[in-house]
Amino acid sequence: MPDSDDNRRACPRDPGLDLARSLAVTAMVFGHTLAATLRAEDLDLPVIQTYWQLRGLTAPLFLVVSGWVVALLFCRRPRPGLGHARERLPRVLTLLALGLILRFPTWDFHGLLAGKPTVLAHFFALDALQLIGLCLLAGSLLFGVSRDPRVRAGLALAAAATVALAAPAVWSATADANPWAALFLGNGSSPFPLFPWSAYFLAGLGLGALSVLTTQRRRWAFAVILGGVVLATGAAVTTWTWATPSPWLTARRLGQVLVIVGVLGLAPAAWGRNLAFLGRHTLAIYFIHMILVYGGLRTQGLHHHVGPTLSLGGSMGLSTVVLTVSTGCALIWNEFRRRGRPWLESRLKSKTIRVIFRHRKSD
């Protein structure tokens, strides 16, 4: 069903969000490529040390803007009850499948077939794509409760706060529980377990729902910056531990990410429009660059073929190549899907196909 004009006007594209999505996926690509190919003697360079300190924000930024985009999508195509969940289920399953491809244990395929626990734990660990898929399903269910953006925002932000605050208790509870519980909930070997990482996506979901309540783009950007400053400052003055499940660490990172998103929202709209092609294909670019850098299935990536042998300039240049190739492949795939799907559907609806599969009374 096509989007209605009223919903499109109520939930227009945000150039600042496109800019934030472009920055998030670019930071991801450069971070992974540098980590895989930068030689050891360049790791002590001041610029690299500064970048390593900021790198902790790349995944939260990626998750926040992903949730924000989903909220705008649901705003343009509101569905009651389980409508969003049913509509998004193929997307959820695709993300889970792509995540499993990235986690495929090329180093011990026979161990996977034999059911070796360590190999299975590696294969089923939650990575960014699986996390986004599960969060997308959760967001679909939350937004099915009401079509009111205020209610949707309240539900998503409350869920984000609950996840962040409950993370230490969940990690403690899963420490001695079933290893599979720790794998998915936290305190296991997953890079991005549901606690606390889903809090970033849910927060982006809530903020995206709030953003449709105003048409004042600059005023909204300043409000996001102010909220980020308050959140980051409030978390920074606490005396709590800064271990990974700490809600204060989640709050500080979220606050810093909101400042970044708000500042980008103040940039000229043309910047976001010019980079929209990059921002609209973030998940595809993420998947493709992970294959190029780390490999997948039975292929080896740059991590194996190049390794930590390049200077800073060489690694930065290779990162640019990886980003360019990943973006090009994503654009080609999107164009193929856009043109190929109508052609395939027309063939499936052709008279010949209908005759073959027609249920005849004589059968």
Protein backbone atom coordinates (compact mmCIF):
# COMPACT_ATOMS: atom_id res chain seq x y z
CA MET A 1 0.00 0.00 0.00
CA PRO A 2 1.59 3.35 -0.99
CA ASP A 3 2.25 6.00 1.60
CA SER A 4 -0.45 8.65 1.81
CA ASP A 5 0.46 12.24 0.97
CA ASP A 6 -0.70 13.37 4.42
CA ASN A 7 1.66 10.97 6.17
CA ARG A 8 4.55 11.99 3.94
CA ARG A 9 3.99 15.66 4.75
CA ALA A 10 3.69 14.85 8.46
CA CYS A 11 6.93 12.80 8.43
CA PRO A 12 9.26 14.42 5.87
CA ARG A 13 12.84 13.28 5.29
CA ASP A 14 15.31 14.88 7.68
CA PRO A 15 18.53 15.96 5.89
CA GLY A 16 20.33 16.05 9.23
CA LEU A 17 19.37 12.45 9.87
CA ASP A 18 20.68 11.46 6.43
CA LEU A 19 23.92 13.21 7.36
CA ALA A 20 24.07 11.37 10.69
CA ARG A 21 23.45 8.02 8.99
CA SER A 22 26.23 8.76 6.49
CA LEU A 23 28.63 9.67 9.30
CA ALA A 24 27.70 6.54 11.27
CA VAL A 25 28.32 4.08 8.43
CA THR A 26 31.50 5.90 7.33
CA ALA A 27 32.89 5.73 10.87
CA MET A 28 32.04 2.03 11.00
CA VAL A 29 33.83 1.29 7.72
CA PHE A 30 36.94 3.29 8.58
CA GLY A 31 37.08 1.92 12.12
CA HIS A 32 36.93 -1.73 11.07
CA THR A 33 39.37 -1.28 8.18
CA LEU A 34 41.88 0.59 10.34
CA ALA A 35 41.62 -2.03 13.08
CA ALA A 36 42.25 -4.79 10.54
CA THR A 37 45.08 -3.27 8.49
CA LEU A 38 46.91 -0.57 10.49
CA ARG A 39 50.43 -1.57 11.45
CA ALA A 40 51.38 -1.78 15.13
CA GLU A 41 53.93 1.07 15.09
CA ASP A 42 51.25 3.56 14.04
CA LEU A 43 48.87 2.69 16.87
CA ASP A 44 50.61 5.16 19.20
CA LEU A 45 50.10 8.15 16.90
CA PRO A 46 48.11 10.91 18.69
CA VAL A 47 45.44 10.98 15.99
CA ILE A 48 44.89 7.23 16.33
CA GLN A 49 44.75 7.42 20.12
CA THR A 50 42.16 10.19 19.88
CA TYR A 51 40.16 8.19 17.37
CA TRP A 52 40.22 5.05 19.54
CA GLN A 53 38.71 7.10 22.38
CA LEU A 54 35.91 8.31 20.11
CA ARG A 55 35.37 4.95 18.45
CA GLY A 56 33.15 3.82 21.31
CA LEU A 57 30.47 6.16 19.92
CA THR A 58 30.30 4.66 16.43
CA ALA A 59 28.07 1.70 17.32
CA PRO A 60 25.71 3.77 19.56
CA LEU A 61 25.43 6.38 16.79
CA PHE A 62 24.70 3.66 14.23
CA LEU A 63 21.98 2.14 16.44
CA VAL A 64 20.36 5.46 17.42
CA VAL A 65 19.99 6.68 13.84
CA SER A 66 18.73 3.24 12.77
CA GLY A 67 15.95 3.44 15.34
CA TRP A 68 15.20 7.03 14.36
CA VAL A 69 14.76 6.07 10.70
CA VAL A 70 12.47 3.18 11.62
CA ALA A 71 10.27 5.54 13.65
CA LEU A 72 9.86 7.86 10.63
CA LEU A 73 9.07 4.88 8.41
CA PHE A 74 6.37 3.72 10.80
CA CYS A 75 5.02 7.27 10.94
CA ARG A 76 4.61 7.33 7.16
CA ARG A 77 2.95 3.91 7.12
CA PRO A 78 1.02 3.62 10.42
CA ARG A 79 -0.32 0.15 11.17
CA PRO A 80 -2.44 -0.90 14.16
CA GLY A 81 -1.88 -4.00 16.28
CA LEU A 82 0.47 -6.50 14.69
CA GLY A 83 0.44 -4.74 11.32
CA HIS A 84 3.95 -3.29 11.65
CA ALA A 85 5.34 -6.59 12.89
CA ARG A 86 3.83 -8.58 10.03
CA GLU A 87 5.04 -6.06 7.47
CA ARG A 88 8.57 -5.95 8.86
CA LEU A 89 8.99 -9.68 9.54
CA PRO A 90 10.74 -10.42 6.20
CA ARG A 91 13.17 -7.58 6.96
CA VAL A 92 13.78 -8.96 10.45
CA LEU A 93 14.49 -12.44 9.12
CA THR A 94 16.80 -11.02 6.45
CA LEU A 95 18.84 -9.11 9.02
CA LEU A 96 19.13 -12.21 11.21
CA ALA A 97 20.27 -14.30 8.24
CA LEU A 98 22.83 -11.71 7.10
CA GLY A 99 24.14 -11.52 10.65
CA LEU A 100 24.65 -15.29 10.71
CA ILE A 101 26.58 -15.07 7.45
CA LEU A 102 28.95 -12.55 9.02
CA ARG A 103 29.41 -14.78 12.07
CA PHE A 104 29.99 -17.94 10.01
CA PRO A 105 33.04 -19.72 11.54
CA THR A 106 35.34 -20.01 8.53
CA TRP A 107 38.09 -21.11 10.87
CA ASP A 108 36.25 -24.22 12.14
CA PHE A 109 33.51 -25.33 9.78
CA HIS A 110 33.78 -28.93 10.97
CA GLY A 111 33.41 -27.78 14.57
CA LEU A 112 30.15 -26.07 13.61
CA LEU A 113 28.84 -29.27 12.02
CA ALA A 114 29.91 -31.23 15.10
CA GLY A 115 28.09 -28.81 17.42
CA LYS A 116 31.17 -27.68 19.33
CA PRO A 117 29.90 -25.29 22.05
CA THR A 118 32.53 -22.59 21.49
CA VAL A 119 31.90 -22.56 17.74
CA LEU A 120 28.12 -22.47 18.18
CA ALA A 121 28.46 -19.61 20.66
CA HIS A 122 30.50 -17.67 18.09
CA PHE A 123 28.03 -18.41 15.29
CA PHE A 124 24.88 -17.40 17.20
CA ALA A 125 26.35 -14.41 19.05
CA LEU A 126 24.43 -11.19 18.49
CA ASP A 127 26.18 -8.78 16.17
CA ALA A 128 24.91 -5.38 14.99
CA LEU A 129 22.61 -6.74 12.26
CA GLN A 130 20.96 -9.36 14.49
CA LEU A 131 20.50 -6.74 17.21
CA ILE A 132 18.86 -4.31 14.79
CA GLY A 133 16.62 -7.10 13.50
CA LEU A 134 15.40 -8.00 16.99
CA CYS A 135 14.98 -4.33 17.92
CA LEU A 136 13.03 -3.76 14.72
CA LEU A 137 10.63 -6.51 15.75
CA ALA A 138 10.31 -5.07 19.27
CA GLY A 139 9.72 -1.58 17.88
CA SER A 140 7.07 -2.93 15.52
CA LEU A 141 5.18 -4.38 18.47
CA LEU A 142 5.54 -1.23 20.56
CA PHE A 143 4.35 1.06 17.78
CA GLY A 144 1.38 -1.21 17.14
CA VAL A 145 -0.08 -0.17 20.50
CA SER A 146 -1.03 3.31 19.29
CA ARG A 147 -0.79 5.59 16.28
CA ASP A 148 -0.27 8.65 18.49
CA PRO A 149 3.39 9.78 18.17
CA ARG A 150 3.40 10.88 21.82
CA VAL A 151 2.33 7.46 23.04
CA ARG A 152 4.80 5.77 20.72
CA ALA A 153 7.63 8.00 21.91
CA GLY A 154 6.74 7.39 25.54
CA LEU A 155 6.69 3.62 25.09
CA ALA A 156 10.01 3.53 23.22
CA LEU A 157 11.82 5.87 25.63
CA ALA A 158 10.46 3.99 28.64
CA ALA A 159 11.67 0.72 27.10
CA ALA A 160 15.11 2.25 26.46
CA ALA A 161 15.38 3.46 30.06
CA THR A 162 14.24 0.06 31.37
CA VAL A 163 16.85 -1.78 29.31
CA ALA A 164 19.64 0.58 30.41
CA LEU A 165 18.75 0.48 34.10
CA ALA A 166 18.16 -3.28 34.16
CA ALA A 167 21.39 -4.16 32.33
CA PRO A 168 23.59 -4.65 35.45
CA ALA A 169 20.98 -6.89 37.10
CA VAL A 170 20.51 -8.89 33.90
CA TRP A 171 24.27 -9.37 33.51
CA SER A 172 24.50 -10.50 37.13
CA ALA A 173 21.60 -12.92 36.72
CA THR A 174 23.00 -14.47 33.54
CA ALA A 175 26.48 -14.93 35.00
CA ASP A 176 25.53 -18.29 36.50
CA ALA A 177 22.59 -19.05 34.24
CA ASN A 178 22.40 -20.95 30.98
CA PRO A 179 25.21 -19.82 28.61
CA TRP A 180 22.62 -19.20 25.89
CA ALA A 181 20.86 -16.68 28.12
CA ALA A 182 24.12 -14.81 28.59
CA LEU A 183 24.77 -14.98 24.85
CA PHE A 184 21.59 -13.09 23.99
CA LEU A 185 20.88 -11.03 27.11
CA GLY A 186 24.39 -10.04 28.18
CA ASN A 187 27.57 -11.10 29.96
CA GLY A 188 28.31 -13.66 27.24
CA SER A 189 30.44 -13.59 24.11
CA SER A 190 28.07 -11.49 21.99
CA PRO A 191 29.52 -8.17 20.80
CA PHE A 192 26.07 -6.53 21.00
CA PRO A 193 23.76 -8.30 23.48
CA LEU A 194 20.24 -7.00 24.01
CA PHE A 195 21.24 -5.48 27.36
CA PRO A 196 22.31 -2.68 27.17
CA TRP A 197 22.77 -2.22 23.40
CA SER A 198 19.08 -2.29 22.44
CA ALA A 199 18.63 0.83 24.58
CA TYR A 200 20.30 2.94 21.86
CA PHE A 201 17.96 1.70 19.12
CA LEU A 202 14.90 2.15 21.34
CA ALA A 203 16.01 5.66 22.29
CA GLY A 204 16.39 6.51 18.60
CA LEU A 205 12.92 5.05 18.02
CA GLY A 206 11.44 7.30 20.69
CA LEU A 207 13.23 10.42 19.49
CA GLY A 208 12.17 9.71 15.93
CA ALA A 209 8.55 9.57 17.07
CA LEU A 210 8.97 12.89 18.89
CA SER A 211 10.61 14.55 15.89
CA VAL A 212 7.40 14.37 13.83
CA LEU A 213 5.63 16.62 16.34
CA THR A 214 7.43 19.74 15.10
CA THR A 215 8.29 21.24 11.74
CA GLN A 216 10.88 23.61 13.22
CA ARG A 217 14.03 21.78 12.16
CA ARG A 218 16.58 24.07 13.82
CA ARG A 219 14.60 24.36 17.05
CA TRP A 220 14.36 20.56 17.23
CA ALA A 221 18.11 20.23 16.59
CA PHE A 222 18.87 22.62 19.48
CA ALA A 223 16.49 20.66 21.72
CA VAL A 224 18.32 17.42 20.86
CA ILE A 225 21.68 19.05 21.60
CA LEU A 226 20.43 20.37 24.94
CA GLY A 227 19.01 16.98 25.89
CA GLY A 228 22.28 15.30 24.95
CA VAL A 229 24.34 17.75 27.00
CA VAL A 230 22.12 17.28 30.05
CA LEU A 231 22.20 13.48 29.72
CA ALA A 232 25.96 13.25 29.18
CA THR A 233 26.77 15.76 31.93
CA GLY A 234 24.42 14.12 34.42
CA ALA A 235 25.99 10.73 33.76
CA ALA A 236 29.53 12.08 33.92
CA VAL A 237 29.17 13.47 37.44
CA THR A 238 28.09 10.16 38.91
CA THR A 239 30.47 7.97 40.90
CA TRP A 240 29.18 4.71 39.45
CA THR A 241 31.41 2.22 37.73
CA TRP A 242 32.02 2.64 33.99
CA ALA A 243 31.90 -1.07 33.19
CA THR A 244 30.00 -2.04 30.04
CA PRO A 245 26.55 -2.80 31.57
CA SER A 246 26.56 0.45 33.59
CA PRO A 247 23.45 2.54 32.85
CA TRP A 248 25.56 5.65 33.33
CA LEU A 249 27.94 4.63 30.58
CA THR A 250 24.92 4.04 28.32
CA ALA A 251 23.50 7.43 29.30
CA ARG A 252 26.80 9.22 28.69
CA ARG A 253 27.27 7.65 25.28
CA LEU A 254 23.66 8.33 24.34
CA GLY A 255 24.04 11.95 25.40
CA GLN A 256 27.19 12.35 23.31
CA VAL A 257 25.48 10.75 20.32
CA LEU A 258 22.51 13.13 20.67
CA VAL A 259 24.86 16.10 20.62
CA ILE A 260 26.39 14.80 17.39
CA VAL A 261 22.97 14.20 15.80
CA GLY A 262 21.75 17.63 16.91
CA VAL A 263 24.82 19.43 15.53
CA LEU A 264 24.44 17.61 12.21
CA GLY A 265 20.80 18.68 12.20
CA LEU A 266 21.99 22.30 12.08
CA ALA A 267 24.09 21.68 8.96
CA PRO A 268 22.83 22.97 5.60
CA ALA A 269 20.08 20.73 4.25
CA ALA A 270 22.00 20.33 0.98
CA TRP A 271 24.71 18.38 2.81
CA GLY A 272 22.25 15.72 3.91
CA ARG A 273 20.55 15.58 0.51
CA ASN A 274 23.89 15.16 -1.24
CA LEU A 275 24.83 12.25 1.03
CA ALA A 276 21.37 10.69 1.14
CA PHE A 277 22.48 7.90 -1.21
CA LEU A 278 25.01 6.87 1.45
CA GLY A 279 22.65 7.18 4.40
CA ARG A 280 19.84 5.22 2.76
CA HIS A 281 21.98 2.13 2.30
CA THR A 282 23.68 1.92 5.70
CA LEU A 283 22.75 -1.69 6.47
CA ALA A 284 23.78 -2.93 3.02
CA ILE A 285 27.07 -1.03 3.23
CA TYR A 286 27.66 -2.41 6.71
CA PHE A 287 27.14 -5.99 5.54
CA ILE A 288 29.27 -5.65 2.39
CA HIS A 289 32.18 -3.93 4.12
CA MET A 290 32.25 -6.58 6.84
CA ILE A 291 32.59 -9.24 4.14
CA LEU A 292 35.39 -7.26 2.48
CA VAL A 293 37.28 -6.60 5.72
CA TYR A 294 36.72 -9.76 7.75
CA GLY A 295 35.37 -12.24 5.20
CA GLY A 296 32.29 -14.41 5.34
CA LEU A 297 31.25 -18.00 4.73
CA ARG A 298 34.31 -19.64 3.15
CA THR A 299 36.05 -16.44 1.97
CA GLN A 300 38.82 -14.48 3.68
CA GLY A 301 38.85 -10.69 3.91
CA LEU A 302 41.46 -7.96 4.14
CA HIS A 303 42.10 -8.92 7.74
CA HIS A 304 43.64 -12.14 6.40
CA HIS A 305 45.10 -11.05 3.06
CA VAL A 306 46.56 -7.69 4.17
CA GLY A 307 46.64 -7.81 7.95
CA PRO A 308 48.15 -5.11 10.20
CA THR A 309 50.85 -4.07 7.71
CA LEU A 310 49.79 -0.66 6.37
CA SER A 311 50.82 2.84 7.39
CA LEU A 312 48.19 5.34 8.50
CA GLY A 313 47.99 6.83 5.01
CA GLY A 314 47.76 3.43 3.36
CA SER A 315 45.11 2.19 5.77
CA MET A 316 43.07 5.38 5.33
CA GLY A 317 43.30 5.01 1.57
CA LEU A 318 42.20 1.39 1.76
CA SER A 319 39.31 2.43 4.02
CA THR A 320 38.19 4.88 1.36
CA VAL A 321 38.33 2.12 -1.26
CA VAL A 322 36.31 -0.23 0.97
CA LEU A 323 33.67 2.47 1.54
CA THR A 324 33.48 3.24 -2.18
CA VAL A 325 33.20 -0.40 -3.23
CA SER A 326 30.64 -1.18 -0.52
CA THR A 327 28.52 1.81 -1.49
CA GLY A 328 28.76 0.94 -5.19
CA CYS A 329 27.70 -2.65 -4.57
CA ALA A 330 24.80 -1.47 -2.40
CA LEU A 331 23.60 0.95 -5.10
CA ILE A 332 23.88 -1.70 -7.82
CA TRP A 333 21.95 -4.21 -5.73
CA ASN A 334 19.25 -1.65 -4.94
CA GLU A 335 18.88 -0.77 -8.62
CA PHE A 336 18.74 -4.44 -9.59
CA ARG A 337 16.07 -5.09 -6.97
CA ARG A 338 14.08 -2.02 -8.03
CA ARG A 339 14.05 -3.03 -11.69
CA GLY A 340 14.07 -6.78 -11.27
CA ARG A 341 11.17 -7.13 -8.85
CA PRO A 342 8.50 -5.67 -11.21
CA TRP A 343 9.85 -7.81 -14.04
CA LEU A 344 9.73 -10.94 -11.88
CA GLU A 345 6.24 -10.13 -10.64
CA SER A 346 5.03 -9.55 -14.18
CA ARG A 347 6.39 -12.96 -15.20
CA LEU A 348 4.70 -14.63 -12.25
CA LYS A 349 1.42 -13.00 -13.21
CA SER A 350 1.69 -13.93 -16.86
CA LYS A 351 -0.93 -16.06 -18.54
CA THR A 352 1.48 -18.98 -18.96
CA ILE A 353 2.28 -19.15 -15.25
CA ARG A 354 -1.39 -18.85 -14.32
CA VAL A 355 -2.26 -21.71 -16.65
CA ILE A 356 0.42 -23.95 -15.16
CA PHE A 357 -0.70 -23.40 -11.57
CA ARG A 358 -4.43 -23.09 -12.22
CA HIS A 359 -6.54 -25.51 -10.23
CA ARG A 360 -8.68 -27.30 -12.77
CA LYS A 361 -11.90 -29.08 -11.95
CA SER A 362 -10.68 -32.22 -13.66
CA ASP A 363 -7.71 -32.49 -11.24
